[in-house]
């Protein structure tokens, strides 16, 4: 892992344990809330869903909880 990727991974580690919105389908506006469990690489994290299962999620499908997702 080069230095740039290492920096990205360290930034993602700040999200560990946080509740996030995971977008499943942008067109249908389908999403769920999950907790970030671990960082896989600079583009993916493991998120624990409501059933307690881990899912590999792209960072581009994550959003901070807001009024838009309620």
C-alpha atoms as a PDB file:
ATOM      1  CA  UNK A   1       0.000   0.000   0.000  1.00  0.00           C
ATOM      2  CA  UNK A   2       1.507   3.323  -1.002  1.00  0.00           C
ATOM      3  CA  UNK A   3       1.514   6.411   1.195  1.00  0.00           C
ATOM      4  CA  UNK A   4      -1.507   8.029  -0.484  1.00  0.00           C
ATOM      5  CA  UNK A   5      -3.652   4.916  -0.003  1.00  0.00           C
ATOM      6  CA  UNK A   6      -2.464   4.640   3.590  1.00  0.00           C
ATOM      7  CA  UNK A   7      -3.650   8.190   4.267  1.00  0.00           C
ATOM      8  CA  UNK A   8      -7.073   7.389   2.755  1.00  0.00           C
ATOM      9  CA  UNK A   9      -7.414   4.290   4.939  1.00  0.00           C
ATOM     10  CA  UNK A  10      -6.482   6.291   8.054  1.00  0.00           C
ATOM     11  CA  UNK A  11      -9.172   8.862   7.223  1.00  0.00           C
ATOM     12  CA  UNK A  12     -11.735   6.081   6.784  1.00  0.00           C
ATOM     13  CA  UNK A  13     -10.822   4.662  10.202  1.00  0.00           C
ATOM     14  CA  UNK A  14     -12.424   7.782  11.719  1.00  0.00           C
ATOM     15  CA  UNK A  15     -15.784   6.357  10.622  1.00  0.00           C
ATOM     16  CA  UNK A  16     -15.394   3.132  12.650  1.00  0.00           C
ATOM     17  CA  UNK A  17     -18.391   2.584  14.916  1.00  0.00           C
ATOM     18  CA  UNK A  18     -20.424   5.387  13.354  1.00  0.00           C
ATOM     19  CA  UNK A  19     -24.009   4.977  12.211  1.00  0.00           C
ATOM     20  CA  UNK A  20     -24.228   5.684   8.480  1.00  0.00           C
ATOM     21  CA  UNK A  21     -26.821   5.578   5.721  1.00  0.00           C
ATOM     22  CA  UNK A  22     -26.055   2.926   3.087  1.00  0.00           C
ATOM     23  CA  UNK A  23     -27.600   3.627  -0.315  1.00  0.00           C
ATOM     24  CA  UNK A  24     -28.822   0.394  -1.931  1.00  0.00           C
ATOM     25  CA  UNK A  25     -30.555   1.909  -4.983  1.00  0.00           C
ATOM     26  CA  UNK A  26     -30.209   5.545  -6.043  1.00  0.00           C
ATOM     27  CA  UNK A  27     -33.136   5.467  -8.497  1.00  0.00           C
ATOM     28  CA  UNK A  28     -35.646   3.916  -6.069  1.00  0.00           C
ATOM     29  CA  UNK A  29     -34.130   5.791  -3.101  1.00  0.00           C
ATOM     30  CA  UNK A  30     -33.641   2.559  -1.130  1.00  0.00           C
ATOM     31  CA  UNK A  31     -31.297   2.729   1.837  1.00  0.00           C
ATOM     32  CA  UNK A  32     -30.700   1.387   5.322  1.00  0.00           C
ATOM     33  CA  UNK A  33     -28.828   2.437   8.450  1.00  0.00           C
ATOM     34  CA  UNK A  34     -25.748   0.503   9.477  1.00  0.00           C
ATOM     35  CA  UNK A  35     -22.650   0.823  11.635  1.00  0.00           C
ATOM     36  CA  UNK A  36     -19.191   0.912  10.088  1.00  0.00           C
ATOM     37  CA  UNK A  37     -17.377  -2.140  11.453  1.00  0.00           C
ATOM     38  CA  UNK A  38     -14.011  -2.146   9.667  1.00  0.00           C
ATOM     39  CA  UNK A  39     -12.043  -0.696   6.780  1.00  0.00           C
ATOM     40  CA  UNK A  40     -11.282  -3.113   3.927  1.00  0.00           C
ATOM     41  CA  UNK A  41      -9.260  -0.792   1.689  1.00  0.00           C
ATOM     42  CA  UNK A  42      -9.261   2.807   0.466  1.00  0.00           C
ATOM     43  CA  UNK A  43     -12.610   2.345  -1.327  1.00  0.00           C
ATOM     44  CA  UNK A  44     -14.587  -0.148   0.792  1.00  0.00           C
ATOM     45  CA  UNK A  45     -15.706  -0.699   4.361  1.00  0.00           C
ATOM     46  CA  UNK A  46     -17.616  -3.426   6.187  1.00  0.00           C
ATOM     47  CA  UNK A  47     -20.974  -2.246   7.504  1.00  0.00           C
ATOM     48  CA  UNK A  48     -23.063  -4.165  10.026  1.00  0.00           C
ATOM     49  CA  UNK A  49     -26.712  -4.050   8.952  1.00  0.00           C
ATOM     50  CA  UNK A  50     -29.816  -4.258  11.178  1.00  0.00           C
ATOM     51  CA  UNK A  51     -29.676  -8.083  11.042  1.00  0.00           C
ATOM     52  CA  UNK A  52     -26.136  -8.023  12.429  1.00  0.00           C
ATOM     53  CA  UNK A  53     -24.576  -9.223   9.179  1.00  0.00           C
ATOM     54  CA  UNK A  54     -21.482  -7.618   7.673  1.00  0.00           C
ATOM     55  CA  UNK A  55     -21.725  -6.223   4.165  1.00  0.00           C
ATOM     56  CA  UNK A  56     -18.939  -4.893   1.969  1.00  0.00           C
ATOM     57  CA  UNK A  57     -19.956  -1.338   1.008  1.00  0.00           C
ATOM     58  CA  UNK A  58     -18.299   1.169  -1.299  1.00  0.00           C
ATOM     59  CA  UNK A  59     -17.531   4.506   0.348  1.00  0.00           C
ATOM     60  CA  UNK A  60     -19.467   6.148  -2.492  1.00  0.00           C
ATOM     61  CA  UNK A  61     -22.659   4.490  -1.218  1.00  0.00           C
ATOM     62  CA  UNK A  62     -22.303   5.894   2.326  1.00  0.00           C
ATOM     63  CA  UNK A  63     -23.942   9.057   3.620  1.00  0.00           C
ATOM     64  CA  UNK A  64     -24.103  10.726   6.983  1.00  0.00           C
ATOM     65  CA  UNK A  65     -27.517  10.449   8.635  1.00  0.00           C
ATOM     66  CA  UNK A  66     -29.595  13.556   7.882  1.00  0.00           C
ATOM     67  CA  UNK A  67     -33.219  14.661   7.607  1.00  0.00           C
ATOM     68  CA  UNK A  68     -33.153  13.549   3.972  1.00  0.00           C
ATOM     69  CA  UNK A  69     -32.891   9.933   5.194  1.00  0.00           C
ATOM     70  CA  UNK A  70     -35.548   9.638   7.870  1.00  0.00           C
END
